[in-house]
Amino acid sequence: MTNSKVQIRNALPADGDAMLAMMPRLADFEVPAHRKAEDLWAGDAAMLRRWLAGDADQCLVQVAVLADEIVGFTLTSLRPDPLSHEPSAHLEAIAVAPGSEGLGAGKALLQAAEDNARQHGAGAMTLHVISSNRRARAIYEHCGYRDEMLRYIKPL
């Protein structure tokens, strides 16, 4: 899939360092005071490392490439829907490198992740987003995602 200059392809193990370097972008917004920014991406980084080691067959990983440089990635896991148990996918992480926003890489990555999940039998795609991440929420809603469940928290 291409979006003018940005190309989307399946990730290779050689892309690992570039993808891992982008993980902190998952906390590039006003993180709630009771959270540590690293907690928002450390689990995804661990899952990506397992995939890179060949130990996460349920993961689909794609990268956005511009001028031979990795400018974004998605990490999607195939897993049953938590309510219906039907085949589903969960967008674990999507990140675009600093300076590469506005090129369409994020939307192209999201579309490619959805297409890839569909080709692997998923009937739906879920994702989590922190409520204060308004930029990401706006993009997801523009792309057809709707909230379904709310999670409440009270720090003790």
C-alpha atoms as a PDB file:
ATOM      1  CA  MET A   1       0.000   0.000   0.000  1.00  0.00           C
ATOM      2  CA  THR A   2       1.339   3.437  -0.806  1.00  0.00           C
ATOM      3  CA  ASN A   3       0.299   6.936   0.101  1.00  0.00           C
ATOM      4  CA  SER A   4       2.098   9.128  -2.445  1.00  0.00           C
ATOM      5  CA  LYS A   5       5.612   8.917  -1.016  1.00  0.00           C
ATOM      6  CA  VAL A   6       5.015   6.673   2.020  1.00  0.00           C
ATOM      7  CA  GLN A   7       5.105   2.911   1.451  1.00  0.00           C
ATOM      8  CA  ILE A   8       3.748   0.323   3.900  1.00  0.00           C
ATOM      9  CA  ARG A   9       5.325  -3.118   4.094  1.00  0.00           C
ATOM     10  CA  ASN A  10       5.579  -6.012   6.515  1.00  0.00           C
ATOM     11  CA  ALA A  11       8.306  -5.390   9.054  1.00  0.00           C
ATOM     12  CA  LEU A  12      11.547  -7.330   9.087  1.00  0.00           C
ATOM     13  CA  PRO A  13      13.696  -8.161  12.109  1.00  0.00           C
ATOM     14  CA  ALA A  14      16.239  -5.665  10.731  1.00  0.00           C
ATOM     15  CA  ASP A  15      13.634  -2.925  11.353  1.00  0.00           C
ATOM     16  CA  GLY A  16      13.608  -3.661  15.086  1.00  0.00           C
ATOM     17  CA  ASP A  17      15.902  -0.895  16.311  1.00  0.00           C
ATOM     18  CA  ALA A  18      14.000   1.789  14.381  1.00  0.00           C
ATOM     19  CA  MET A  19      10.655   0.564  15.722  1.00  0.00           C
ATOM     20  CA  LEU A  20      11.890   0.282  19.301  1.00  0.00           C
ATOM     21  CA  ALA A  21      13.317   3.807  19.082  1.00  0.00           C
ATOM     22  CA  MET A  22       9.810   5.092  18.280  1.00  0.00           C
ATOM     23  CA  MET A  23       8.132   3.435  21.277  1.00  0.00           C
ATOM     24  CA  PRO A  24       8.350   6.573  23.493  1.00  0.00           C
ATOM     25  CA  ARG A  25       6.131   8.304  20.905  1.00  0.00           C
ATOM     26  CA  LEU A  26       3.250   6.304  22.406  1.00  0.00           C
ATOM     27  CA  ALA A  27       3.435   8.663  25.393  1.00  0.00           C
ATOM     28  CA  ASP A  28       3.963  11.877  23.423  1.00  0.00           C
ATOM     29  CA  PHE A  29       0.978  13.732  24.892  1.00  0.00           C
ATOM     30  CA  GLU A  30      -0.067  15.002  28.310  1.00  0.00           C
ATOM     31  CA  VAL A  31       0.226  11.791  30.333  1.00  0.00           C
ATOM     32  CA  PRO A  32      -2.050  11.653  33.394  1.00  0.00           C
ATOM     33  CA  ALA A  33      -0.187  12.684  36.546  1.00  0.00           C
ATOM     34  CA  HIS A  34      -0.628   9.294  38.211  1.00  0.00           C
ATOM     35  CA  ARG A  35       1.050   7.497  35.261  1.00  0.00           C
ATOM     36  CA  LYS A  36       4.671   7.129  34.200  1.00  0.00           C
ATOM     37  CA  ALA A  37       5.165   7.738  30.481  1.00  0.00           C
ATOM     38  CA  GLU A  38       7.254   4.576  30.086  1.00  0.00           C
ATOM     39  CA  ASP A  39       4.399   2.461  31.445  1.00  0.00           C
ATOM     40  CA  LEU A  40       2.376   3.431  28.363  1.00  0.00           C
ATOM     41  CA  TRP A  41       4.818   1.743  25.994  1.00  0.00           C
ATOM     42  CA  ALA A  42       7.030  -0.711  27.915  1.00  0.00           C
ATOM     43  CA  GLY A  43       4.606  -3.632  27.472  1.00  0.00           C
ATOM     44  CA  ASP A  44       4.329  -2.964  23.741  1.00  0.00           C
ATOM     45  CA  ALA A  45       8.116  -2.810  23.464  1.00  0.00           C
ATOM     46  CA  ALA A  46       8.352  -6.178  25.251  1.00  0.00           C
ATOM     47  CA  MET A  47       5.792  -7.669  22.830  1.00  0.00           C
ATOM     48  CA  LEU A  48       7.725  -6.279  19.865  1.00  0.00           C
ATOM     49  CA  ARG A  49      10.952  -7.765  21.237  1.00  0.00           C
ATOM     50  CA  ARG A  50       9.210 -11.167  21.507  1.00  0.00           C
ATOM     51  CA  TRP A  51       8.088 -10.822  17.883  1.00  0.00           C
ATOM     52  CA  LEU A  52      11.617  -9.881  16.826  1.00  0.00           C
ATOM     53  CA  ALA A  53      12.884 -13.020  18.593  1.00  0.00           C
ATOM     54  CA  GLY A  54      10.333 -15.135  16.704  1.00  0.00           C
ATOM     55  CA  ASP A  55       8.231 -15.801  19.790  1.00  0.00           C
ATOM     56  CA  ALA A  56       4.980 -13.945  18.995  1.00  0.00           C
ATOM     57  CA  ASP A  57       3.277 -15.597  16.036  1.00  0.00           C
ATOM     58  CA  GLN A  58       0.004 -13.813  16.871  1.00  0.00           C
ATOM     59  CA  CYS A  59       1.582 -10.451  16.027  1.00  0.00           C
ATOM     60  CA  LEU A  60       1.374  -8.613  12.725  1.00  0.00           C
ATOM     61  CA  VAL A  61       3.981  -5.876  12.362  1.00  0.00           C
ATOM     62  CA  GLN A  62       4.166  -3.353   9.549  1.00  0.00           C
ATOM     63  CA  VAL A  63       6.338  -0.321   8.850  1.00  0.00           C
ATOM     64  CA  ALA A  64       5.944   2.910   6.926  1.00  0.00           C
ATOM     65  CA  VAL A  65       8.957   3.714   4.761  1.00  0.00           C
ATOM     66  CA  LEU A  66       9.828   7.057   3.228  1.00  0.00           C
ATOM     67  CA  ALA A  67      13.037   7.468   1.214  1.00  0.00           C
ATOM     68  CA  ASP A  68      14.380   4.161   2.589  1.00  0.00           C
ATOM     69  CA  GLU A  69      13.831   5.310   6.182  1.00  0.00           C
ATOM     70  CA  ILE A  70      11.387   3.757   8.670  1.00  0.00           C
ATOM     71  CA  VAL A  71       9.026   6.580   9.654  1.00  0.00           C
ATOM     72  CA  GLY A  72       6.344   4.600  11.487  1.00  0.00           C
ATOM     73  CA  PHE A  73       5.086   1.192  12.493  1.00  0.00           C
ATOM     74  CA  THR A  74       2.101  -0.776  13.740  1.00  0.00           C
ATOM     75  CA  LEU A  75       2.048  -3.724  16.111  1.00  0.00           C
ATOM     76  CA  THR A  76      -1.212  -5.676  15.943  1.00  0.00           C
ATOM     77  CA  SER A  77      -2.078  -8.877  17.791  1.00  0.00           C
ATOM     78  CA  LEU A  78      -4.598 -11.434  16.637  1.00  0.00           C
ATOM     79  CA  ARG A  79      -6.791 -12.466  19.559  1.00  0.00           C
ATOM     80  CA  PRO A  80     -10.382 -13.340  20.284  1.00  0.00           C
ATOM     81  CA  ASP A  81     -12.823 -10.528  20.969  1.00  0.00           C
ATOM     82  CA  PRO A  82     -13.097 -10.250  24.770  1.00  0.00           C
ATOM     83  CA  LEU A  83     -16.909 -10.418  24.704  1.00  0.00           C
ATOM     84  CA  SER A  84     -17.949 -12.530  21.704  1.00  0.00           C
ATOM     85  CA  HIS A  85     -14.724 -14.563  21.464  1.00  0.00           C
ATOM     86  CA  GLU A  86     -14.932 -14.204  17.671  1.00  0.00           C
ATOM     87  CA  PRO A  87     -11.646 -13.784  15.740  1.00  0.00           C
ATOM     88  CA  SER A  88     -10.452 -10.232  16.269  1.00  0.00           C
ATOM     89  CA  ALA A  89      -7.351  -8.084  16.283  1.00  0.00           C
ATOM     90  CA  HIS A  90      -6.021  -5.490  18.700  1.00  0.00           C
ATOM     91  CA  LEU A  91      -3.871  -2.554  17.652  1.00  0.00           C
ATOM     92  CA  GLU A  92      -1.204  -2.701  20.326  1.00  0.00           C
ATOM     93  CA  ALA A  93       0.868   0.214  19.040  1.00  0.00           C
ATOM     94  CA  ILE A  94       1.024   2.696  16.205  1.00  0.00           C
ATOM     95  CA  ALA A  95       3.738   5.326  16.071  1.00  0.00           C
ATOM     96  CA  VAL A  96       5.076   7.829  13.571  1.00  0.00           C
ATOM     97  CA  ALA A  97       8.571   9.265  13.905  1.00  0.00           C
ATOM     98  CA  PRO A  98       8.999  12.889  14.970  1.00  0.00           C
ATOM     99  CA  GLY A  99       9.065  15.127  11.919  1.00  0.00           C
ATOM    100  CA  SER A 100       7.068  12.661   9.820  1.00  0.00           C
ATOM    101  CA  GLU A 101       3.595  13.709  10.963  1.00  0.00           C
ATOM    102  CA  GLY A 102       1.282  15.097   8.327  1.00  0.00           C
ATOM    103  CA  LEU A 103       2.603  12.869   5.545  1.00  0.00           C
ATOM    104  CA  GLY A 104      -0.249  10.381   5.810  1.00  0.00           C
ATOM    105  CA  ALA A 105       1.910   7.640   7.304  1.00  0.00           C
ATOM    106  CA  GLY A 106      -0.310   7.162  10.356  1.00  0.00           C
ATOM    107  CA  LYS A 107      -3.544   6.775   8.396  1.00  0.00           C
ATOM    108  CA  ALA A 108      -1.832   4.533   5.822  1.00  0.00           C
ATOM    109  CA  LEU A 109      -0.426   2.372   8.633  1.00  0.00           C
ATOM    110  CA  LEU A 110      -3.823   2.117  10.313  1.00  0.00           C
ATOM    111  CA  GLN A 111      -5.518   1.115   7.043  1.00  0.00           C
ATOM    112  CA  ALA A 112      -2.800  -1.443   6.288  1.00  0.00           C
ATOM    113  CA  ALA A 113      -3.073  -2.914   9.806  1.00  0.00           C
ATOM    114  CA  GLU A 114      -6.850  -3.265   9.366  1.00  0.00           C
ATOM    115  CA  ASP A 115      -6.421  -4.894   5.941  1.00  0.00           C
ATOM    116  CA  ASN A 116      -3.763  -7.262   7.285  1.00  0.00           C
ATOM    117  CA  ALA A 117      -5.910  -8.247  10.277  1.00  0.00           C
ATOM    118  CA  ARG A 118      -8.914  -8.842   7.975  1.00  0.00           C
ATOM    119  CA  GLN A 119      -6.763 -11.063   5.737  1.00  0.00           C
ATOM    120  CA  HIS A 120      -5.847 -13.068   8.856  1.00  0.00           C
ATOM    121  CA  GLY A 121      -9.517 -13.656   9.703  1.00  0.00           C
ATOM    122  CA  ALA A 122     -10.211 -10.843  12.176  1.00  0.00           C
ATOM    123  CA  GLY A 123     -13.752  -9.511  12.115  1.00  0.00           C
ATOM    124  CA  ALA A 124     -12.962  -6.388  14.154  1.00  0.00           C
ATOM    125  CA  MET A 125     -10.069  -4.280  15.377  1.00  0.00           C
ATOM    126  CA  THR A 126      -9.883  -2.855  18.886  1.00  0.00           C
ATOM    127  CA  LEU A 127      -7.435  -0.438  20.448  1.00  0.00           C
ATOM    128  CA  HIS A 128      -6.820   1.417  23.688  1.00  0.00           C
ATOM    129  CA  VAL A 129      -6.183   5.137  23.927  1.00  0.00           C
ATOM    130  CA  ILE A 130      -5.695   7.320  26.999  1.00  0.00           C
ATOM    131  CA  SER A 131      -8.566   9.802  27.178  1.00  0.00           C
ATOM    132  CA  SER A 132      -6.214  12.813  27.350  1.00  0.00           C
ATOM    133  CA  ASN A 133      -4.608  11.824  24.021  1.00  0.00           C
ATOM    134  CA  ARG A 134      -7.001  13.988  22.031  1.00  0.00           C
ATOM    135  CA  ARG A 135      -4.943  13.963  18.831  1.00  0.00           C
ATOM    136  CA  ALA A 136      -4.970  10.149  18.618  1.00  0.00           C
ATOM    137  CA  ARG A 137      -8.657   9.962  19.551  1.00  0.00           C
ATOM    138  CA  ALA A 138      -9.545  12.400  16.768  1.00  0.00           C
ATOM    139  CA  ILE A 139      -7.644  10.330  14.203  1.00  0.00           C
ATOM    140  CA  TYR A 140      -9.234   7.067  15.348  1.00  0.00           C
ATOM    141  CA  GLU A 141     -12.718   8.575  15.275  1.00  0.00           C
ATOM    142  CA  HIS A 142     -12.069  10.058  11.825  1.00  0.00           C
ATOM    143  CA  CYS A 143     -11.090   6.543  10.673  1.00  0.00           C
ATOM    144  CA  GLY A 144     -14.348   5.036  11.949  1.00  0.00           C
ATOM    145  CA  TYR A 145     -13.455   3.854  15.455  1.00  0.00           C
ATOM    146  CA  ARG A 146     -16.028   4.396  18.193  1.00  0.00           C
ATOM    147  CA  ASP A 147     -15.777   4.046  21.935  1.00  0.00           C
ATOM    148  CA  GLU A 148     -17.423   0.942  23.313  1.00  0.00           C
ATOM    149  CA  MET A 149     -16.323   0.590  26.935  1.00  0.00           C
ATOM    150  CA  LEU A 150     -15.077   3.062  29.482  1.00  0.00           C
ATOM    151  CA  ARG A 151     -12.463   2.180  32.071  1.00  0.00           C
ATOM    152  CA  TYR A 152     -12.504   4.173  35.282  1.00  0.00           C
ATOM    153  CA  ILE A 153      -9.586   4.509  37.666  1.00  0.00           C
ATOM    154  CA  LYS A 154      -9.072   6.029  41.080  1.00  0.00           C
ATOM    155  CA  PRO A 155      -5.499   6.212  42.342  1.00  0.00           C
ATOM    156  CA  LEU A 156      -5.374   5.038  45.947  1.00  0.00           C
END
